[in-house]
Full PDB file with SEQRES, HELIX, SHEET, SSBOND, CRYST1, ORIGX, SCALE, CONECT and MASTER records, all heavy atoms in Angstrom:
SEQRES   1 A   40  HIS ALA GLU LEU ILE ALA ILE LYS GLY ALA CYS GLU ASN          
SEQRES   2 A   40  VAL GLN GLY TRP ARG LEU THR GLY CYS THR MET TYR VAL          
SEQRES   3 A   40  THR ILE GLU PRO CYS PRO MET CYS ALA GLY ALA ILE ILE          
SEQRES   4 A   40  GLN                                                          
HELIX    1 AA1 ALA A    2  VAL A   14  1                                  13    
HELIX    2 AA2 PRO A   32  ILE A   39  1                                   8    
CRYST1    1.000    1.000    1.000  90.00  90.00  90.00 P 1           1          
ORIGX1      1.000000  0.000000  0.000000        0.00000                         
ORIGX2      0.000000  1.000000  0.000000        0.00000                         
ORIGX3      0.000000  0.000000  1.000000        0.00000                         
SCALE1      1.000000  0.000000  0.000000        0.00000                         
SCALE2      0.000000  1.000000  0.000000        0.00000                         
SCALE3      0.000000  0.000000  1.000000        0.00000                         
ATOM      1  N   HIS A   1     -38.328  51.254 -12.996  1.00  0.00           N  
ATOM      2  CA  HIS A   1     -38.361  50.606 -11.687  1.00  0.00           C  
ATOM      3  C   HIS A   1     -39.002  51.557 -10.684  1.00  0.00           C  
ATOM      4  O   HIS A   1     -38.895  52.787 -10.810  1.00  0.00           O  
ATOM      5  CB  HIS A   1     -36.947  50.275 -11.213  1.00  0.00           C  
ATOM      6  CG  HIS A   1     -36.336  49.099 -11.888  1.00  0.00           C  
ATOM      7  ND1 HIS A   1     -35.445  48.277 -11.250  1.00  0.00           N  
ATOM      8  CD2 HIS A   1     -36.468  48.607 -13.137  1.00  0.00           C  
ATOM      9  CE1 HIS A   1     -35.055  47.316 -12.077  1.00  0.00           C  
ATOM     10  NE2 HIS A   1     -35.663  47.503 -13.226  1.00  0.00           N  
ATOM     11  N   ALA A   2     -39.621  51.012  -9.659  1.00  0.00           N  
ATOM     12  CA  ALA A   2     -40.298  51.802  -8.629  1.00  0.00           C  
ATOM     13  C   ALA A   2     -39.369  52.860  -8.034  1.00  0.00           C  
ATOM     14  O   ALA A   2     -39.764  54.020  -7.862  1.00  0.00           O  
ATOM     15  CB  ALA A   2     -40.811  50.870  -7.530  1.00  0.00           C  
ATOM     16  N   GLU A   3     -38.138  52.465  -7.736  1.00  0.00           N  
ATOM     17  CA  GLU A   3     -37.198  53.386  -7.097  1.00  0.00           C  
ATOM     18  C   GLU A   3     -36.884  54.582  -7.994  1.00  0.00           C  
ATOM     19  O   GLU A   3     -36.829  55.723  -7.533  1.00  0.00           O  
ATOM     20  CB  GLU A   3     -35.885  52.666  -6.747  1.00  0.00           C  
ATOM     21  CG  GLU A   3     -36.047  51.527  -5.765  1.00  0.00           C  
ATOM     22  CD  GLU A   3     -36.223  50.157  -6.415  1.00  0.00           C  
ATOM     23  OE1 GLU A   3     -36.839  50.072  -7.493  1.00  0.00           O  
ATOM     24  OE2 GLU A   3     -35.738  49.176  -5.839  1.00  0.00           O  
ATOM     25  N   LEU A   4     -36.674  54.321  -9.285  1.00  0.00           N  
ATOM     26  CA  LEU A   4     -36.325  55.409 -10.205  1.00  0.00           C  
ATOM     27  C   LEU A   4     -37.499  56.355 -10.404  1.00  0.00           C  
ATOM     28  O   LEU A   4     -37.313  57.572 -10.511  1.00  0.00           O  
ATOM     29  CB  LEU A   4     -35.849  54.845 -11.536  1.00  0.00           C  
ATOM     30  CG  LEU A   4     -34.589  53.976 -11.479  1.00  0.00           C  
ATOM     31  CD1 LEU A   4     -34.179  53.553 -12.875  1.00  0.00           C  
ATOM     32  CD2 LEU A   4     -33.450  54.665 -10.762  1.00  0.00           C  
ATOM     33  N   ILE A   5     -38.702  55.815 -10.450  1.00  0.00           N  
ATOM     34  CA  ILE A   5     -39.898  56.651 -10.585  1.00  0.00           C  
ATOM     35  C   ILE A   5     -40.062  57.525  -9.335  1.00  0.00           C  
ATOM     36  O   ILE A   5     -40.363  58.722  -9.433  1.00  0.00           O  
ATOM     37  CB  ILE A   5     -41.136  55.774 -10.850  1.00  0.00           C  
ATOM     38  CG1 ILE A   5     -41.000  55.113 -12.232  1.00  0.00           C  
ATOM     39  CG2 ILE A   5     -42.428  56.586 -10.741  1.00  0.00           C  
ATOM     40  CD1 ILE A   5     -41.967  53.984 -12.488  1.00  0.00           C  
ATOM     41  N   ALA A   6     -39.831  56.939  -8.164  1.00  0.00           N  
ATOM     42  CA  ALA A   6     -39.923  57.703  -6.914  1.00  0.00           C  
ATOM     43  C   ALA A   6     -38.855  58.790  -6.855  1.00  0.00           C  
ATOM     44  O   ALA A   6     -39.131  59.919  -6.427  1.00  0.00           O  
ATOM     45  CB  ALA A   6     -39.809  56.761  -5.719  1.00  0.00           C  
ATOM     46  N   ILE A   7     -37.641  58.469  -7.297  1.00  0.00           N  
ATOM     47  CA  ILE A   7     -36.560  59.461  -7.306  1.00  0.00           C  
ATOM     48  C   ILE A   7     -36.916  60.622  -8.236  1.00  0.00           C  
ATOM     49  O   ILE A   7     -36.744  61.791  -7.883  1.00  0.00           O  
ATOM     50  CB  ILE A   7     -35.208  58.823  -7.706  1.00  0.00           C  
ATOM     51  CG1 ILE A   7     -34.691  57.931  -6.565  1.00  0.00           C  
ATOM     52  CG2 ILE A   7     -34.174  59.885  -8.082  1.00  0.00           C  
ATOM     53  CD1 ILE A   7     -33.500  57.065  -6.927  1.00  0.00           C  
ATOM     54  N   LYS A   8     -37.419  60.305  -9.406  1.00  0.00           N  
ATOM     55  CA  LYS A   8     -37.811  61.361 -10.353  1.00  0.00           C  
ATOM     56  C   LYS A   8     -38.862  62.283  -9.737  1.00  0.00           C  
ATOM     57  O   LYS A   8     -38.754  63.507  -9.812  1.00  0.00           O  
ATOM     58  CB  LYS A   8     -38.318  60.733 -11.644  1.00  0.00           C  
ATOM     59  CG  LYS A   8     -38.675  61.739 -12.724  1.00  0.00           C  
ATOM     60  CD  LYS A   8     -39.054  61.027 -14.013  1.00  0.00           C  
ATOM     61  CE  LYS A   8     -39.628  61.966 -15.023  1.00  0.00           C  
ATOM     62  NZ  LYS A   8     -38.708  62.652 -15.830  1.00  0.00           N  
ATOM     63  N   GLY A   9     -39.875  61.702  -9.106  1.00  0.00           N  
ATOM     64  CA  GLY A   9     -40.909  62.513  -8.461  1.00  0.00           C  
ATOM     65  C   GLY A   9     -40.361  63.362  -7.330  1.00  0.00           C  
ATOM     66  O   GLY A   9     -40.735  64.535  -7.176  1.00  0.00           O  
ATOM     67  N   ALA A  10     -39.464  62.790  -6.536  1.00  0.00           N  
ATOM     68  CA  ALA A  10     -38.870  63.541  -5.427  1.00  0.00           C  
ATOM     69  C   ALA A  10     -38.025  64.703  -5.944  1.00  0.00           C  
ATOM     70  O   ALA A  10     -38.089  65.812  -5.396  1.00  0.00           O  
ATOM     71  CB  ALA A  10     -38.027  62.603  -4.556  1.00  0.00           C  
ATOM     72  N   CYS A  11     -37.264  64.467  -7.005  1.00  0.00           N  
ATOM     73  CA  CYS A  11     -36.445  65.532  -7.587  1.00  0.00           C  
ATOM     74  C   CYS A  11     -37.325  66.665  -8.116  1.00  0.00           C  
ATOM     75  O   CYS A  11     -36.988  67.849  -7.956  1.00  0.00           O  
ATOM     76  CB  CYS A  11     -35.552  64.981  -8.701  1.00  0.00           C  
ATOM     77  SG  CYS A  11     -34.205  63.943  -8.110  1.00  0.00           S  
ATOM     78  N   GLU A  12     -38.444  66.301  -8.719  1.00  0.00           N  
ATOM     79  CA  GLU A  12     -39.387  67.325  -9.190  1.00  0.00           C  
ATOM     80  C   GLU A  12     -39.929  68.133  -8.013  1.00  0.00           C  
ATOM     81  O   GLU A  12     -40.044  69.354  -8.087  1.00  0.00           O  
ATOM     82  CB  GLU A  12     -40.522  66.682  -9.981  1.00  0.00           C  
ATOM     83  CG  GLU A  12     -40.087  66.164 -11.332  1.00  0.00           C  
ATOM     84  CD  GLU A  12     -41.131  65.307 -12.043  1.00  0.00           C  
ATOM     85  OE1 GLU A  12     -42.259  65.138 -11.513  1.00  0.00           O  
ATOM     86  OE2 GLU A  12     -40.805  64.804 -13.135  1.00  0.00           O  
ATOM     87  N   ASN A  13     -40.222  67.450  -6.908  1.00  0.00           N  
ATOM     88  CA  ASN A  13     -40.757  68.139  -5.731  1.00  0.00           C  
ATOM     89  C   ASN A  13     -39.759  69.079  -5.083  1.00  0.00           C  
ATOM     90  O   ASN A  13     -40.135  70.154  -4.630  1.00  0.00           O  
ATOM     91  CB  ASN A  13     -41.258  67.133  -4.696  1.00  0.00           C  
ATOM     92  CG  ASN A  13     -42.715  66.811  -4.880  1.00  0.00           C  
ATOM     93  OD1 ASN A  13     -43.514  67.693  -5.126  1.00  0.00           O  
ATOM     94  ND2 ASN A  13     -43.059  65.550  -4.770  1.00  0.00           N  
ATOM     95  N   VAL A  14     -38.490  68.672  -5.014  1.00  0.00           N  
ATOM     96  CA  VAL A  14     -37.489  69.549  -4.383  1.00  0.00           C  
ATOM     97  C   VAL A  14     -36.833  70.480  -5.404  1.00  0.00           C  
ATOM     98  O   VAL A  14     -36.018  71.316  -5.044  1.00  0.00           O  
ATOM     99  CB  VAL A  14     -36.413  68.749  -3.601  1.00  0.00           C  
ATOM    100  CG1 VAL A  14     -37.050  67.909  -2.512  1.00  0.00           C  
ATOM    101  CG2 VAL A  14     -35.526  67.924  -4.504  1.00  0.00           C  
ATOM    102  N   GLN A  15     -37.196  70.321  -6.649  1.00  0.00           N  
ATOM    103  CA  GLN A  15     -36.672  71.131  -7.750  1.00  0.00           C  
ATOM    104  C   GLN A  15     -35.149  71.063  -7.835  1.00  0.00           C  
ATOM    105  O   GLN A  15     -34.470  72.075  -7.973  1.00  0.00           O  
ATOM    106  CB  GLN A  15     -37.170  72.574  -7.638  1.00  0.00           C  
ATOM    107  CG  GLN A  15     -38.677  72.661  -7.734  1.00  0.00           C  
ATOM    108  CD  GLN A  15     -39.209  74.067  -7.622  1.00  0.00           C  
ATOM    109  OE1 GLN A  15     -38.549  74.963  -7.116  1.00  0.00           O  
ATOM    110  NE2 GLN A  15     -40.423  74.258  -8.106  1.00  0.00           N  
ATOM    111  N   GLY A  16     -34.657  69.839  -7.752  1.00  0.00           N  
ATOM    112  CA  GLY A  16     -33.223  69.613  -7.869  1.00  0.00           C  
ATOM    113  C   GLY A  16     -32.929  68.135  -7.778  1.00  0.00           C  
ATOM    114  O   GLY A  16     -33.795  67.337  -7.438  1.00  0.00           O  
ATOM    115  N   TRP A  17     -31.688  67.775  -8.068  1.00  0.00           N  
ATOM    116  CA  TRP A  17     -31.335  66.359  -8.104  1.00  0.00           C  
ATOM    117  C   TRP A  17     -30.785  65.825  -6.785  1.00  0.00           C  
ATOM    118  O   TRP A  17     -30.694  64.623  -6.598  1.00  0.00           O  
ATOM    119  CB  TRP A  17     -30.339  66.083  -9.231  1.00  0.00           C  
ATOM    120  CG  TRP A  17     -29.019  66.788  -9.072  1.00  0.00           C  
ATOM    121  CD1 TRP A  17     -28.684  68.024  -9.550  1.00  0.00           C  
ATOM    122  CD2 TRP A  17     -27.857  66.297  -8.392  1.00  0.00           C  
ATOM    123  NE1 TRP A  17     -27.392  68.326  -9.210  1.00  0.00           N  
ATOM    124  CE2 TRP A  17     -26.857  67.279  -8.504  1.00  0.00           C  
ATOM    125  CE3 TRP A  17     -27.571  65.112  -7.705  1.00  0.00           C  
ATOM    126  CZ2 TRP A  17     -25.589  67.138  -7.955  1.00  0.00           C  
ATOM    127  CZ3 TRP A  17     -26.299  64.961  -7.162  1.00  0.00           C  
ATOM    128  CH2 TRP A  17     -25.330  65.963  -7.290  1.00  0.00           C  
ATOM    129  N   ARG A  18     -30.432  66.704  -5.875  1.00  0.00           N  
ATOM    130  CA  ARG A  18     -29.865  66.255  -4.602  1.00  0.00           C  
ATOM    131  C   ARG A  18     -30.983  65.970  -3.607  1.00  0.00           C  
ATOM    132  O   ARG A  18     -31.746  66.858  -3.250  1.00  0.00           O  
ATOM    133  CB  ARG A  18     -28.929  67.314  -4.033  1.00  0.00           C  
ATOM    134  CG  ARG A  18     -27.642  67.430  -4.777  1.00  0.00           C  
ATOM    135  CD  ARG A  18     -26.751  68.527  -4.170  1.00  0.00           C  
ATOM    136  NE  ARG A  18     -25.578  68.745  -4.975  1.00  0.00           N  
ATOM    137  CZ  ARG A  18     -25.524  69.581  -6.007  1.00  0.00           C  
ATOM    138  NH1 ARG A  18     -26.593  70.284  -6.365  1.00  0.00           N  
ATOM    139  NH2 ARG A  18     -24.406  69.716  -6.698  1.00  0.00           N  
ATOM    140  N   LEU A  19     -31.043  64.714  -3.151  1.00  0.00           N  
ATOM    141  CA  LEU A  19     -32.074  64.296  -2.199  1.00  0.00           C  
ATOM    142  C   LEU A  19     -31.467  64.037  -0.824  1.00  0.00           C  
ATOM    143  O   LEU A  19     -31.838  63.100  -0.122  1.00  0.00           O  
ATOM    144  CB  LEU A  19     -32.813  63.068  -2.735  1.00  0.00           C  
ATOM    145  CG  LEU A  19     -33.563  63.289  -4.047  1.00  0.00           C  
ATOM    146  CD1 LEU A  19     -34.209  61.993  -4.530  1.00  0.00           C  
ATOM    147  CD2 LEU A  19     -34.598  64.400  -3.923  1.00  0.00           C  
ATOM    148  N   THR A  20     -30.523  64.892  -0.427  1.00  0.00           N  
ATOM    149  CA  THR A  20     -29.943  64.767   0.909  1.00  0.00           C  
ATOM    150  C   THR A  20     -31.038  65.021   1.934  1.00  0.00           C  
ATOM    151  O   THR A  20     -31.967  65.789   1.703  1.00  0.00           O  
ATOM    152  CB  THR A  20     -28.774  65.761   1.103  1.00  0.00           C  
ATOM    153  OG1 THR A  20     -29.231  67.068   0.766  1.00  0.00           O  
ATOM    154  CG2 THR A  20     -27.587  65.398   0.240  1.00  0.00           C  
ATOM    155  N   GLY A  21     -30.934  64.339   3.053  1.00  0.00           N  
ATOM    156  CA  GLY A  21     -31.945  64.458   4.092  1.00  0.00           C  
ATOM    157  C   GLY A  21     -33.171  63.603   3.821  1.00  0.00           C  
ATOM    158  O   GLY A  21     -34.161  63.693   4.548  1.00  0.00           O  
ATOM    159  N   CYS A  22     -33.112  62.776   2.782  1.00  0.00           N  
ATOM    160  CA  CYS A  22     -34.262  61.955   2.398  1.00  0.00           C  
ATOM    161  C   CYS A  22     -34.054  60.484   2.761  1.00  0.00           C  
ATOM    162  O   CYS A  22     -32.923  60.016   2.854  1.00  0.00           O  
ATOM    163  CB  CYS A  22     -34.518  62.070   0.894  1.00  0.00           C  
ATOM    164  SG  CYS A  22     -35.064  63.707   0.390  1.00  0.00           S  
ATOM    165  N   THR A  23     -35.177  59.801   2.913  1.00  0.00           N  
ATOM    166  CA  THR A  23     -35.189  58.354   3.151  1.00  0.00           C  
ATOM    167  C   THR A  23     -36.053  57.707   2.089  1.00  0.00           C  
ATOM    168  O   THR A  23     -37.134  58.200   1.784  1.00  0.00           O  
ATOM    169  CB  THR A  23     -35.765  58.034   4.553  1.00  0.00           C  
ATOM    170  OG1 THR A  23     -34.954  58.658   5.546  1.00  0.00           O  
ATOM    171  CG2 THR A  23     -35.817  56.530   4.795  1.00  0.00           C  
ATOM    172  N   MET A  24     -35.566  56.598   1.537  1.00  0.00           N  
ATOM    173  CA  MET A  24     -36.359  55.792   0.609  1.00  0.00           C  
ATOM    174  C   MET A  24     -36.837  54.556   1.346  1.00  0.00           C  
ATOM    175  O   MET A  24     -36.052  53.880   2.017  1.00  0.00           O  
ATOM    176  CB  MET A  24     -35.546  55.359  -0.602  1.00  0.00           C  
ATOM    177  CG  MET A  24     -36.324  54.416  -1.525  1.00  0.00           C  
ATOM    178  SD  MET A  24     -35.395  53.865  -2.970  1.00  0.00           S  
ATOM    179  CE  MET A  24     -35.544  55.329  -4.004  1.00  0.00           C  
ATOM    180  N   TYR A  25     -38.121  54.255   1.191  1.00  0.00           N  
ATOM    181  CA  TYR A  25     -38.724  53.028   1.696  1.00  0.00           C  
ATOM    182  C   TYR A  25     -39.103  52.217   0.476  1.00  0.00           C  
ATOM    183  O   TYR A  25     -39.848  52.694  -0.380  1.00  0.00           O  
ATOM    184  CB  TYR A  25     -39.977  53.336   2.523  1.00  0.00           C  
ATOM    185  CG  TYR A  25     -39.672  54.168   3.742  1.00  0.00           C  
ATOM    186  CD1 TYR A  25     -39.598  55.561   3.651  1.00  0.00           C  
ATOM    187  CD2 TYR A  25     -39.428  53.575   4.970  1.00  0.00           C  
ATOM    188  CE1 TYR A  25     -39.289  56.330   4.768  1.00  0.00           C  
ATOM    189  CE2 TYR A  25     -39.122  54.332   6.088  1.00  0.00           C  
ATOM    190  CZ  TYR A  25     -39.050  55.710   5.976  1.00  0.00           C  
ATOM    191  OH  TYR A  25     -38.738  56.463   7.082  1.00  0.00           O  
ATOM    192  N   VAL A  26     -38.594  50.995   0.383  1.00  0.00           N  
ATOM    193  CA  VAL A  26     -38.858  50.170  -0.795  1.00  0.00           C  
ATOM    194  C   VAL A  26     -39.126  48.738  -0.348  1.00  0.00           C  
ATOM    195  O   VAL A  26     -38.479  48.233   0.567  1.00  0.00           O  
ATOM    196  CB  VAL A  26     -37.705  50.288  -1.828  1.00  0.00           C  
ATOM    197  CG1 VAL A  26     -36.382  49.865  -1.242  1.00  0.00           C  
ATOM    198  CG2 VAL A  26     -38.018  49.556  -3.110  1.00  0.00           C  
ATOM    199  N   THR A  27     -40.090  48.111  -0.989  1.00  0.00           N  
ATOM    200  CA  THR A  27     -40.554  46.803  -0.532  1.00  0.00           C  
ATOM    201  C   THR A  27     -39.529  45.695  -0.736  1.00  0.00           C  
ATOM    202  O   THR A  27     -39.480  44.755   0.046  1.00  0.00           O  
ATOM    203  CB  THR A  27     -41.878  46.423  -1.222  1.00  0.00           C  
ATOM    204  OG1 THR A  27     -41.711  46.486  -2.636  1.00  0.00           O  
ATOM    205  CG2 THR A  27     -42.997  47.365  -0.786  1.00  0.00           C  
ATOM    206  N   ILE A  28     -38.724  45.805  -1.785  1.00  0.00           N  
ATOM    207  CA  ILE A  28     -37.713  44.788  -2.091  1.00  0.00           C  
ATOM    208  C   ILE A  28     -36.354  45.480  -2.213  1.00  0.00           C  
ATOM    209  O   ILE A  28     -36.259  46.597  -2.725  1.00  0.00           O  
ATOM    210  CB  ILE A  28     -38.050  44.059  -3.420  1.00  0.00           C  
ATOM    211  CG1 ILE A  28     -39.450  43.426  -3.356  1.00  0.00           C  
ATOM    212  CG2 ILE A  28     -36.991  43.016  -3.773  1.00  0.00           C  
ATOM    213  CD1 ILE A  28     -39.644  42.342  -2.313  1.00  0.00           C  
ATOM    214  N   GLU A  29     -35.331  44.808  -1.791  1.00  0.00           N  
ATOM    215  CA  GLU A  29     -33.974  45.345  -1.861  1.00  0.00           C  
ATOM    216  C   GLU A  29     -33.651  45.852  -3.270  1.00  0.00           C  
ATOM    217  O   GLU A  29     -33.847  45.131  -4.248  1.00  0.00           O  
ATOM    218  CB  GLU A  29     -32.990  44.235  -1.475  1.00  0.00           C  
ATOM    219  CG  GLU A  29     -31.555  44.643  -1.492  1.00  0.00           C  
ATOM    220  CD  GLU A  29     -30.633  43.504  -1.106  1.00  0.00           C  
ATOM    221  OE1 GLU A  29     -31.128  42.366  -0.872  1.00  0.00           O  
ATOM    222  OE2 GLU A  29     -29.412  43.729  -1.043  1.00  0.00           O  
ATOM    223  N   PRO A  30     -33.180  47.087  -3.382  1.00  0.00           N  
ATOM    224  CA  PRO A  30     -32.867  47.646  -4.706  1.00  0.00           C  
ATOM    225  C   PRO A  30     -31.793  46.865  -5.473  1.00  0.00           C  
ATOM    226  O   PRO A  30     -30.853  46.322  -4.892  1.00  0.00           O  
ATOM    227  CB  PRO A  30     -32.382  49.061  -4.381  1.00  0.00           C  
ATOM    228  CG  PRO A  30     -33.099  49.408  -3.106  1.00  0.00           C  
ATOM    229  CD  PRO A  30     -33.101  48.096  -2.329  1.00  0.00           C  
ATOM    230  N   CYS A  31     -31.965  46.864  -6.795  1.00  0.00           N  
ATOM    231  CA  CYS A  31     -31.018  46.239  -7.717  1.00  0.00           C  
ATOM    232  C   CYS A  31     -29.827  47.185  -7.929  1.00  0.00           C  
ATOM    233  O   CYS A  31     -29.836  48.333  -7.469  1.00  0.00           O  
ATOM    234  CB  CYS A  31     -31.711  45.940  -9.046  1.00  0.00           C  
ATOM    235  SG  CYS A  31     -32.060  47.426 -10.023  1.00  0.00           S  
ATOM    236  N   PRO A  32     -28.791  46.744  -8.656  1.00  0.00           N  
ATOM    237  CA  PRO A  32     -27.624  47.610  -8.902  1.00  0.00           C  
ATOM    238  C   PRO A  32     -27.976  48.931  -9.594  1.00  0.00           C  
ATOM    239  O   PRO A  32     -27.434  49.974  -9.239  1.00  0.00           O  
ATOM    240  CB  PRO A  32     -26.713  46.748  -9.775  1.00  0.00           C  
ATOM    241  CG  PRO A  32     -27.080  45.345  -9.420  1.00  0.00           C  
ATOM    242  CD  PRO A  32     -28.558  45.376  -9.150  1.00  0.00           C  
ATOM    243  N   MET A  33     -28.874  48.889 -10.580  1.00  0.00           N  
ATOM    244  CA  MET A  33     -29.245  50.119 -11.281  1.00  0.00           C  
ATOM    245  C   MET A  33     -29.872  51.110 -10.304  1.00  0.00           C  
ATOM    246  O   MET A  33     -29.514  52.299 -10.288  1.00  0.00           O  
ATOM    247  CB  MET A  33     -30.225  49.808 -12.417  1.00  0.00           C  
ATOM    248  CG  MET A  33     -30.743  51.043 -13.132  1.00  0.00           C  
ATOM    249  SD  MET A  33     -31.848  50.667 -14.506  1.00  0.00           S  
ATOM    250  CE  MET A  33     -33.289  49.999 -13.667  1.00  0.00           C  
ATOM    251  N   CYS A  34     -30.802  50.642  -9.495  1.00  0.00           N  
ATOM    252  CA  CYS A  34     -31.484  51.521  -8.553  1.00  0.00           C  
ATOM    253  C   CYS A  34     -30.540  51.986  -7.446  1.00  0.00           C  
ATOM    254  O   CYS A  34     -30.596  53.141  -7.017  1.00  0.00           O  
ATOM    255  CB  CYS A  34     -32.710  50.829  -7.983  1.00  0.00           C  
ATOM    256  SG  CYS A  34     -33.977  50.564  -9.257  1.00  0.00           S  
ATOM    257  N   ALA A  35     -29.660  51.105  -6.987  1.00  0.00           N  
ATOM    258  CA  ALA A  35     -28.669  51.493  -5.982  1.00  0.00           C  
ATOM    259  C   ALA A  35     -27.778  52.601  -6.530  1.00  0.00           C  
ATOM    260  O   ALA A  35     -27.451  53.558  -5.822  1.00  0.00           O  
ATOM    261  CB  ALA A  35     -27.845  50.286  -5.544  1.00  0.00           C  
ATOM    262  N   GLY A  36     -27.414  52.499  -7.795  1.00  0.00           N  
ATOM    263  CA  GLY A  36     -26.615  53.560  -8.420  1.00  0.00           C  
ATOM    264  C   GLY A  36     -27.355  54.886  -8.426  1.00  0.00           C  
ATOM    265  O   GLY A  36     -26.783  55.940  -8.140  1.00  0.00           O  
ATOM    266  N   ALA A  37     -28.635  54.852  -8.736  1.00  0.00           N  
ATOM    267  CA  ALA A  37     -29.437  56.078  -8.741  1.00  0.00           C  
ATOM    268  C   ALA A  37     -29.588  56.642  -7.321  1.00  0.00           C  
ATOM    269  O   ALA A  37     -29.600  57.862  -7.133  1.00  0.00           O  
ATOM    270  CB  ALA A  37     -30.807  55.802  -9.354  1.00  0.00           C  
ATOM    271  N   ILE A  38     -29.694  55.766  -6.330  1.00  0.00           N  
ATOM    272  CA  ILE A  38     -29.778  56.204  -4.934  1.00  0.00           C  
ATOM    273  C   ILE A  38     -28.497  56.940  -4.554  1.00  0.00           C  
ATOM    274  O   ILE A  38     -28.535  58.012  -3.940  1.00  0.00           O  
ATOM    275  CB  ILE A  38     -30.044  54.997  -4.008  1.00  0.00           C  
ATOM    276  CG1 ILE A  38     -31.477  54.485  -4.220  1.00  0.00           C  
ATOM    277  CG2 ILE A  38     -29.792  55.350  -2.546  1.00  0.00           C  
ATOM    278  CD1 ILE A  38     -31.739  53.096  -3.664  1.00  0.00           C  
ATOM    279  N   ILE A  39     -27.363  56.376  -4.942  1.00  0.00           N  
ATOM    280  CA  ILE A  39     -26.078  57.018  -4.667  1.00  0.00           C  
ATOM    281  C   ILE A  39     -25.997  58.363  -5.377  1.00  0.00           C  
ATOM    282  O   ILE A  39     -25.634  59.382  -4.785  1.00  0.00           O  
ATOM    283  CB  ILE A  39     -24.911  56.101  -5.106  1.00  0.00           C  
ATOM    284  CG1 ILE A  39     -24.852  54.855  -4.234  1.00  0.00           C  
ATOM    285  CG2 ILE A  39     -23.580  56.861  -5.081  1.00  0.00           C  
ATOM    286  CD1 ILE A  39     -24.034  53.717  -4.816  1.00  0.00           C  
ATOM    287  N   GLN A  40     -26.336  58.382  -6.665  1.00  0.00           N  
ATOM    288  CA  GLN A  40     -26.224  59.609  -7.454  1.00  0.00           C  
ATOM    289  C   GLN A  40     -27.165  60.709  -6.970  1.00  0.00           C  
ATOM    290  O   GLN A  40     -26.845  61.889  -7.097  1.00  0.00           O  
ATOM    291  CB  GLN A  40     -26.464  59.321  -8.935  1.00  0.00           C  
ATOM    292  CG  GLN A  40     -25.357  58.509  -9.577  1.00  0.00           C  
ATOM    293  CD  GLN A  40     -23.998  59.192  -9.469  1.00  0.00           C  
ATOM    294  OE1 GLN A  40     -23.852  60.379  -9.719  1.00  0.00           O  
ATOM    295  NE2 GLN A  40     -22.995  58.418  -9.081  1.00  0.00           N  
TER     296      GLN A  40                                                      
MASTER        0    0    0    2    0    0    0    6  295    1    0    4          
END                                                                             
């Protein structure tokens, strides 16, 4: 999914899994799987 691919890229950029201080912009409301990844 677009959200998971974006999260993976962001984690690679910050060299860690915590994306605090970040904002996600997504064209369609995230599904449960993607919402879970956003939370995590």
